[in-house]
Amino acid sequence: MTLITTPATIPPTPVLSRPTSPAATRLSRARGSTAKALPGIGLAAVLALLALTIGRAPWLQANGISALTLAIVLGMLAGNTIYPRFAAAAASGVAFSKQTLLRAGIILYGLRLTFQDIAAVGMAGVIIDALVLSSTFALAWWAGTRVFGLDRKTALLIGAGSSICGAAAVMAAEPVVRGRAEQVTVAVSTVVVFGTLAIFLYPALYRLNAHYQLFPVTPAGYGIFAGSTIHEVAQVVAAGRAVTEAAANTAVITKMVRVMMLAPFLIILSTYLSRQRTPDAGRDLECVEPASKRRIVMPWFALGFVAVAAVNSAVVLPHSLVTSAITLDTLLLAMAMAALGVTTQVAAIRTAGIKPLGLAALLFGWLILGGLAINMGVSAVLR
């Protein structure tokens, strides 16, 4: 008898794949994140470039309407019309533009001034700026929450815009106070409304005072007053040039000293808020932690702002490089503004109601009357 044996089935040898290194994994994820971010970044760039182009119009420049203001307006138009159709594809890049590009823009903003600018306005200008900033922000915090019943984040963002440098200060303060897009846009809107009003009101008040001789205000004194109390840099330039070129120069220097106070302001505010239990505990996860365990939000980009200003003060950078960097900075800030506008729905602003405008109107009145009192008081003491 012949025995037929069936050979045993031998299982195939498994093919072992090479383990992926952590560096390769991170690189792959970075490439994927970059690809996902490109549509949103491209949208922000297109809106920003359009705003920069329109912003060159002589009438807009003469009236202090900056490209940053136009960028957020264009962003809101896009965000409330076409953006919802492709929001899923562009959301990542829009968020990158609104956060990372903003921080880069604030850092490069330091190239617009030097420490030598402080000496140009003297100790009086520095003290006036500090008093106007601190008093305006304190009034915004108190009146916003106690009188107008606003949430603290909105009050702080409106206060930052009114007391320092307008929309740029609002957006720089946003990561510190952890504001939402609609809160930031409401604050920026108040800067646009009352800053634009200041362009026309300040020169009219100066001429009215010159006619009736109510207060002894020189063009240089007017420049310090305008620079220490008007919201945006572009608005300061317009209000100064409506009087004299010398007044405009003094106003711009005073304003840039005020801008320079943005960094220490953010550091102090961040340190203080980290020790407080915010009233928005129901919405913010970090607020359920005890104040003693909460991490301080250090605005490193503000420190970078000071460092860049220090380098610029040393005059070690070629002029062409500084000019190019400032151009890039304007583009980055415009992209951040456009991204903010894109993520903001008009319905959210309507929901905010008249209270934010009421607070901004109160602050605007304080900037004029209280700012004038501070200017005259400091000048009298240091005369």
Protein backbone atom coordinates (compact mmCIF):
# COMPACT_ATOMS: atom_id res chain seq x y z
CA MET A 1 0.00 0.00 0.00
CA THR A 2 1.28 3.38 -0.94
CA LEU A 3 0.79 6.14 1.59
CA ILE A 4 0.19 9.59 0.18
CA THR A 5 1.01 12.32 2.62
CA THR A 6 -0.21 15.85 2.24
CA PRO A 7 2.46 18.36 3.04
CA ALA A 8 1.62 20.61 5.93
CA THR A 9 0.61 24.13 4.99
CA ILE A 10 3.35 26.52 5.94
CA PRO A 11 2.02 29.95 6.93
CA PRO A 12 3.51 32.84 5.01
CA THR A 13 6.25 34.73 6.71
CA PRO A 14 4.90 38.10 7.84
CA VAL A 15 6.58 41.14 6.37
CA LEU A 16 7.66 43.41 9.17
CA SER A 17 7.49 47.11 8.41
CA ARG A 18 10.20 49.36 9.64
CA PRO A 19 9.21 51.38 12.68
CA THR A 20 8.59 55.03 11.96
CA SER A 21 10.89 57.35 13.84
CA PRO A 22 9.35 60.11 15.98
CA ALA A 23 11.02 62.73 13.79
CA ALA A 24 9.46 61.27 10.65
CA THR A 25 6.07 61.16 12.34
CA ARG A 26 6.33 64.79 13.35
CA LEU A 27 7.43 65.78 9.84
CA SER A 28 4.49 63.92 8.31
CA ARG A 29 2.07 65.60 10.67
CA ALA A 30 3.60 69.00 9.96
CA ARG A 31 3.21 68.48 6.23
CA GLY A 32 -0.40 67.46 6.71
CA SER A 33 -1.11 70.47 8.91
CA THR A 34 0.53 72.80 6.40
CA ALA A 35 -1.52 71.39 3.54
CA LYS A 36 -4.71 71.81 5.57
CA ALA A 37 -3.80 75.39 6.48
CA LEU A 38 -3.02 76.61 2.96
CA PRO A 39 -6.61 77.37 1.83
CA GLY A 40 -7.34 79.51 4.87
CA ILE A 41 -3.98 81.28 4.73
CA GLY A 42 -4.56 81.95 1.05
CA LEU A 43 -7.97 83.45 1.78
CA ALA A 44 -6.53 85.72 4.47
CA ALA A 45 -3.70 86.77 2.15
CA VAL A 46 -6.08 87.65 -0.71
CA LEU A 47 -8.28 89.74 1.58
CA ALA A 48 -5.23 91.43 3.12
CA LEU A 49 -3.70 92.32 -0.25
CA LEU A 50 -7.05 93.68 -1.41
CA ALA A 51 -7.29 95.82 1.73
CA LEU A 52 -3.73 97.11 1.26
CA THR A 53 -4.50 98.02 -2.34
CA ILE A 54 -7.75 99.82 -1.53
CA GLY A 55 -6.08 101.49 1.46
CA ARG A 56 -3.76 103.42 -0.87
CA ALA A 57 -6.67 105.58 -2.00
CA PRO A 58 -5.85 109.22 -1.13
CA TRP A 59 -9.25 109.89 0.46
CA LEU A 60 -8.94 106.92 2.80
CA GLN A 61 -5.39 107.85 3.79
CA ALA A 62 -6.36 111.48 4.36
CA ASN A 63 -9.12 110.37 6.72
CA GLY A 64 -6.97 107.89 8.64
CA ILE A 65 -8.80 104.75 7.48
CA SER A 66 -6.03 102.18 7.59
CA ALA A 67 -5.59 98.94 5.68
CA LEU A 68 -6.10 97.04 8.94
CA THR A 69 -9.57 98.50 9.30
CA LEU A 70 -10.36 97.66 5.69
CA ALA A 71 -9.05 94.12 6.16
CA ILE A 72 -11.41 93.33 8.98
CA VAL A 73 -14.34 94.85 7.05
CA LEU A 74 -13.53 92.75 3.98
CA GLY A 75 -13.09 89.69 6.19
CA MET A 76 -16.52 90.20 7.73
CA LEU A 77 -18.06 90.59 4.27
CA ALA A 78 -16.49 87.32 3.15
CA GLY A 79 -17.22 85.57 6.44
CA ASN A 80 -20.92 86.35 6.26
CA THR A 81 -21.38 85.56 2.57
CA ILE A 82 -19.11 83.04 0.84
CA TYR A 83 -16.97 81.66 3.66
CA PRO A 84 -19.55 79.29 5.23
CA ARG A 85 -19.54 77.25 1.99
CA PHE A 86 -15.91 76.17 2.43
CA ALA A 87 -15.32 76.85 6.12
CA ALA A 88 -14.41 73.21 6.83
CA ALA A 89 -11.50 73.33 4.38
CA ALA A 90 -10.23 76.78 5.35
CA ALA A 91 -10.79 76.87 9.12
CA SER A 92 -7.29 75.64 10.01
CA GLY A 93 -5.49 78.30 7.96
CA VAL A 94 -7.81 81.06 9.12
CA ALA A 95 -7.08 80.15 12.75
CA PHE A 96 -3.33 80.13 11.99
CA SER A 97 -3.57 83.59 10.45
CA LYS A 98 -5.60 84.94 13.36
CA GLN A 99 -3.23 83.61 16.02
CA THR A 100 0.30 82.81 14.84
CA LEU A 101 0.57 85.51 12.18
CA LEU A 102 -0.82 88.03 14.65
CA ARG A 103 1.94 87.30 17.14
CA ALA A 104 4.58 87.59 14.42
CA GLY A 105 3.07 90.90 13.36
CA ILE A 106 3.14 92.29 16.89
CA ILE A 107 6.80 91.33 17.25
CA LEU A 108 7.77 93.03 13.99
CA TYR A 109 5.76 96.08 15.03
CA GLY A 110 8.74 96.94 17.22
CA LEU A 111 10.63 98.00 14.09
CA ARG A 112 8.40 101.06 13.87
CA LEU A 113 9.99 102.78 16.86
CA THR A 114 13.16 103.10 18.87
CA PHE A 115 13.98 103.84 22.47
CA GLN A 116 15.30 107.18 21.27
CA ASP A 117 11.71 108.15 20.47
CA ILE A 118 11.08 108.42 24.20
CA ALA A 119 13.63 111.19 24.57
CA ALA A 120 12.01 113.17 21.76
CA VAL A 121 8.82 113.81 23.75
CA GLY A 122 10.55 114.07 27.10
CA MET A 123 9.51 112.80 30.51
CA ALA A 124 6.25 114.72 30.34
CA GLY A 125 5.09 112.75 27.29
CA VAL A 126 5.94 109.42 28.91
CA ILE A 127 4.11 110.29 32.14
CA ILE A 128 1.08 111.58 30.23
CA ASP A 129 0.93 108.40 28.15
CA ALA A 130 1.20 106.20 31.24
CA LEU A 131 -1.52 108.09 33.12
CA VAL A 132 -3.90 108.16 30.15
CA LEU A 133 -3.35 104.44 29.52
CA SER A 134 -3.82 103.32 33.11
CA SER A 135 -6.80 105.58 33.88
CA THR A 136 -8.63 104.71 30.65
CA PHE A 137 -8.14 100.99 31.09
CA ALA A 138 -9.19 101.09 34.76
CA LEU A 139 -12.32 103.05 33.81
CA ALA A 140 -13.13 100.50 31.08
CA TRP A 141 -12.76 97.59 33.50
CA TRP A 142 -14.91 99.18 36.20
CA ALA A 143 -17.59 100.84 34.06
CA GLY A 144 -17.78 97.98 31.57
CA THR A 145 -18.63 95.37 34.19
CA ARG A 146 -20.35 97.49 36.87
CA VAL A 147 -22.21 100.17 34.89
CA PHE A 148 -22.86 98.60 31.48
CA GLY A 149 -23.06 94.99 32.63
CA LEU A 150 -20.68 93.66 29.97
CA ASP A 151 -18.71 90.46 30.39
CA ARG A 152 -15.21 91.11 31.61
CA LYS A 153 -13.45 90.00 28.43
CA THR A 154 -15.36 92.44 26.24
CA ALA A 155 -14.75 95.27 28.70
CA LEU A 156 -11.02 94.52 28.83
CA LEU A 157 -10.69 94.33 25.05
CA ILE A 158 -12.53 97.65 24.56
CA GLY A 159 -10.33 99.14 27.27
CA ALA A 160 -7.15 97.91 25.59
CA GLY A 161 -8.17 99.37 22.24
CA SER A 162 -9.13 102.73 23.70
CA SER A 163 -6.19 103.11 26.05
CA ILE A 164 -3.23 101.97 23.91
CA CYS A 165 -3.21 101.61 20.14
CA GLY A 166 -6.60 100.67 18.79
CA ALA A 167 -7.20 97.48 16.85
CA ALA A 168 -3.61 96.25 17.21
CA ALA A 169 -3.90 96.43 21.01
CA VAL A 170 -7.25 94.64 20.95
CA MET A 171 -5.81 91.77 18.95
CA ALA A 172 -2.64 91.66 21.04
CA ALA A 173 -4.72 91.45 24.22
CA GLU A 174 -7.00 88.74 22.82
CA PRO A 175 -4.76 85.75 23.72
CA VAL A 176 -4.15 87.20 27.17
CA VAL A 177 -7.82 87.67 28.09
CA ARG A 178 -8.88 84.64 25.96
CA GLY A 179 -11.51 86.61 24.11
CA ARG A 180 -13.79 85.13 21.46
CA ALA A 181 -13.85 86.35 17.87
CA GLU A 182 -17.09 88.29 18.25
CA GLN A 183 -15.80 90.00 21.41
CA VAL A 184 -12.64 91.07 19.60
CA THR A 185 -14.60 92.37 16.63
CA VAL A 186 -16.97 94.34 18.84
CA ALA A 187 -13.96 95.98 20.50
CA VAL A 188 -12.32 96.75 17.15
CA SER A 189 -15.59 98.22 15.89
CA THR A 190 -15.67 100.71 18.76
CA VAL A 191 -12.11 101.78 17.88
CA VAL A 192 -13.16 102.38 14.28
CA VAL A 193 -16.23 104.41 15.24
CA PHE A 194 -14.71 106.73 17.83
CA GLY A 195 -11.22 106.87 16.35
CA THR A 196 -12.69 108.06 13.06
CA LEU A 197 -14.76 110.65 14.93
CA ALA A 198 -11.58 111.89 16.63
CA ILE A 199 -9.97 112.65 13.25
CA PHE A 200 -12.52 115.39 12.64
CA LEU A 201 -13.32 116.42 16.22
CA TYR A 202 -9.78 117.05 17.49
CA PRO A 203 -8.75 119.63 14.85
CA ALA A 204 -12.13 121.35 15.28
CA LEU A 205 -11.59 121.58 19.04
CA TYR A 206 -8.08 122.95 18.48
CA ARG A 207 -9.36 125.71 16.19
CA LEU A 208 -12.23 126.47 18.54
CA ASN A 209 -9.79 126.82 21.42
CA ALA A 210 -7.46 129.00 19.34
CA HIS A 211 -10.36 131.34 18.56
CA TYR A 212 -11.67 131.69 22.11
CA GLN A 213 -8.34 131.17 23.93
CA LEU A 214 -9.87 128.83 26.50
CA PHE A 215 -6.65 126.91 27.20
CA PRO A 216 -3.00 127.71 26.41
CA VAL A 217 -2.37 124.93 23.87
CA THR A 218 0.52 125.15 21.38
CA PRO A 219 0.77 122.99 18.24
CA ALA A 220 3.34 120.83 20.07
CA GLY A 221 1.03 120.56 23.07
CA TYR A 222 -1.82 119.60 20.77
CA GLY A 223 0.41 116.93 19.25
CA ILE A 224 1.10 115.36 22.66
CA PHE A 225 -2.61 115.55 23.50
CA ALA A 226 -3.62 113.89 20.23
CA GLY A 227 -0.91 111.23 20.42
CA SER A 228 -1.79 110.33 24.01
CA THR A 229 -5.56 110.07 23.53
CA ILE A 230 -6.50 109.07 19.94
CA HIS A 231 -6.89 105.36 19.26
CA GLU A 232 -5.04 104.37 16.05
CA VAL A 233 -1.66 105.53 14.72
CA ALA A 234 -3.20 106.37 11.34
CA GLN A 235 -5.91 108.42 13.07
CA VAL A 236 -3.25 110.29 15.05
CA VAL A 237 -1.41 111.16 11.84
CA ALA A 238 -4.58 112.47 10.21
CA ALA A 239 -5.62 114.53 13.24
CA GLY A 240 -2.11 115.96 13.60
CA ARG A 241 -1.66 116.94 9.97
CA ALA A 242 -5.00 118.71 10.03
CA VAL A 243 -3.31 121.28 12.30
CA THR A 244 0.39 121.50 11.33
CA GLU A 245 3.17 119.17 10.21
CA ALA A 246 5.04 119.87 13.46
CA ALA A 247 1.96 118.91 15.46
CA ALA A 248 1.72 115.68 13.46
CA ASN A 249 5.37 114.79 14.16
CA THR A 250 4.97 115.33 17.91
CA ALA A 251 1.69 113.42 17.88
CA VAL A 252 3.20 110.41 16.12
CA ILE A 253 6.19 110.22 18.49
CA THR A 254 3.88 110.46 21.52
CA LYS A 255 1.66 107.79 20.04
CA MET A 256 4.57 105.45 19.39
CA VAL A 257 5.72 105.82 22.99
CA ARG A 258 2.19 104.82 23.97
CA VAL A 259 2.40 101.85 21.61
CA MET A 260 5.64 100.85 23.27
CA MET A 261 3.78 100.50 26.56
CA LEU A 262 1.81 97.61 25.03
CA ALA A 263 4.38 95.01 26.09
CA PRO A 264 4.60 95.83 29.82
CA PHE A 265 0.83 96.35 29.87
CA LEU A 266 0.22 92.82 28.53
CA ILE A 267 2.69 91.28 30.96
CA ILE A 268 1.09 93.02 33.95
CA LEU A 269 -2.42 92.15 32.77
CA SER A 270 -1.49 88.51 32.13
CA THR A 271 0.09 88.16 35.56
CA TYR A 272 -2.92 89.69 37.27
CA LEU A 273 -5.53 87.65 35.39
CA SER A 274 -3.65 84.43 36.13
CA ARG A 275 -4.31 85.00 39.83
CA GLN A 276 -7.99 85.78 39.47
CA ARG A 277 -11.00 83.51 39.15
CA THR A 278 -12.78 84.77 36.06
CA PRO A 279 -16.58 85.19 36.14
CA ASP A 280 -16.82 83.19 32.89
CA ALA A 281 -16.05 79.96 34.72
CA GLY A 282 -18.88 78.16 33.01
CA ARG A 283 -17.31 78.65 29.58
CA ASP A 284 -13.56 78.49 30.22
CA LEU A 285 -12.16 75.14 31.27
CA GLU A 286 -9.07 76.61 32.84
CA CYS A 287 -11.23 78.64 35.19
CA VAL A 288 -12.29 75.59 37.21
CA GLU A 289 -8.75 75.29 38.50
CA PRO A 290 -7.80 77.01 41.72
CA ALA A 291 -6.13 80.35 41.11
CA SER A 292 -2.98 79.12 42.81
CA LYS A 293 -2.59 76.30 40.26
CA ARG A 294 -3.47 78.23 37.12
CA ARG A 295 -0.66 78.80 34.67
CA ILE A 296 0.38 82.38 33.96
CA VAL A 297 -0.21 83.23 30.31
CA MET A 298 3.07 84.89 29.43
CA PRO A 299 2.74 86.95 26.24
CA TRP A 300 6.15 86.05 24.81
CA PHE A 301 5.35 87.92 21.63
CA ALA A 302 5.20 91.12 23.71
CA LEU A 303 8.72 90.47 24.96
CA GLY A 304 9.73 89.90 21.35
CA PHE A 305 8.19 93.27 20.51
CA VAL A 306 10.45 94.96 23.08
CA ALA A 307 13.50 93.02 21.88
CA VAL A 308 12.92 94.05 18.26
CA ALA A 309 12.46 97.68 19.32
CA ALA A 310 15.76 97.45 21.23
CA VAL A 311 17.55 96.10 18.16
CA ASN A 312 16.02 98.83 16.05
CA SER A 313 17.18 101.40 18.60
CA ALA A 314 20.78 100.25 18.15
CA VAL A 315 20.57 101.08 14.41
CA VAL A 316 22.38 97.89 13.47
CA LEU A 317 19.92 96.80 10.79
CA PRO A 318 20.15 98.06 7.20
CA HIS A 319 17.46 100.58 6.32
CA SER A 320 16.31 98.47 3.37
CA LEU A 321 15.85 95.46 5.65
CA VAL A 322 13.82 97.47 8.17
CA THR A 323 11.63 98.88 5.39
CA SER A 324 10.99 95.44 3.97
CA ALA A 325 10.24 94.02 7.42
CA ILE A 326 7.73 96.80 8.13
CA THR A 327 6.02 96.06 4.81
CA LEU A 328 5.87 92.38 5.75
CA ASP A 329 4.56 93.32 9.18
CA THR A 330 1.72 95.33 7.67
CA LEU A 331 0.78 92.34 5.52
CA LEU A 332 0.85 89.95 8.50
CA LEU A 333 -1.33 92.23 10.61
CA ALA A 334 -3.73 92.73 7.72
CA MET A 335 -4.00 88.95 7.28
CA ALA A 336 -4.71 88.56 10.99
CA MET A 337 -7.40 91.24 10.80
CA ALA A 338 -8.96 89.61 7.73
CA ALA A 339 -9.00 86.22 9.46
CA LEU A 340 -10.67 87.75 12.50
CA GLY A 341 -13.34 89.29 10.32
CA VAL A 342 -13.90 86.00 8.50
CA THR A 343 -14.62 84.14 11.74
CA THR A 344 -17.05 86.74 13.04
CA GLN A 345 -20.75 86.65 12.28
CA VAL A 346 -22.68 89.90 12.10
CA ALA A 347 -25.41 88.32 14.20
CA ALA A 348 -22.95 88.11 17.11
CA ILE A 349 -22.27 91.86 16.92
CA ARG A 350 -26.00 92.62 16.81
CA THR A 351 -26.43 90.42 19.85
CA ALA A 352 -23.89 92.53 21.74
CA GLY A 353 -26.31 95.47 21.59
CA ILE A 354 -25.61 99.09 22.39
CA LYS A 355 -23.71 98.50 25.63
CA PRO A 356 -20.23 98.17 24.05
CA LEU A 357 -20.78 101.41 22.14
CA GLY A 358 -21.94 103.04 25.36
CA LEU A 359 -18.74 102.00 27.12
CA ALA A 360 -16.61 103.16 24.19
CA ALA A 361 -18.43 106.51 24.17
CA LEU A 362 -17.71 106.95 27.87
CA LEU A 363 -14.04 106.16 27.30
CA PHE A 364 -13.92 108.56 24.34
CA GLY A 365 -15.30 111.34 26.53
CA TRP A 366 -12.71 110.52 29.19
CA LEU A 367 -9.89 110.55 26.63
CA ILE A 368 -10.89 114.07 25.58
CA LEU A 369 -11.71 115.66 28.94
CA GLY A 370 -9.66 113.52 31.29
CA GLY A 371 -6.81 113.37 28.79
CA LEU A 372 -6.80 117.16 28.53
CA ALA A 373 -6.72 117.47 32.33
CA ILE A 374 -3.82 114.99 32.54
CA ASN A 375 -1.91 116.80 29.77
CA MET A 376 -2.32 120.21 31.38
CA GLY A 377 -1.63 118.94 34.93
CA VAL A 378 1.60 117.11 34.01
CA SER A 379 2.82 120.00 31.86
CA ALA A 380 2.18 122.45 34.72
CA VAL A 381 4.04 120.30 37.25
CA LEU A 382 7.06 119.66 35.03
CA ARG A 383 7.26 123.13 33.56
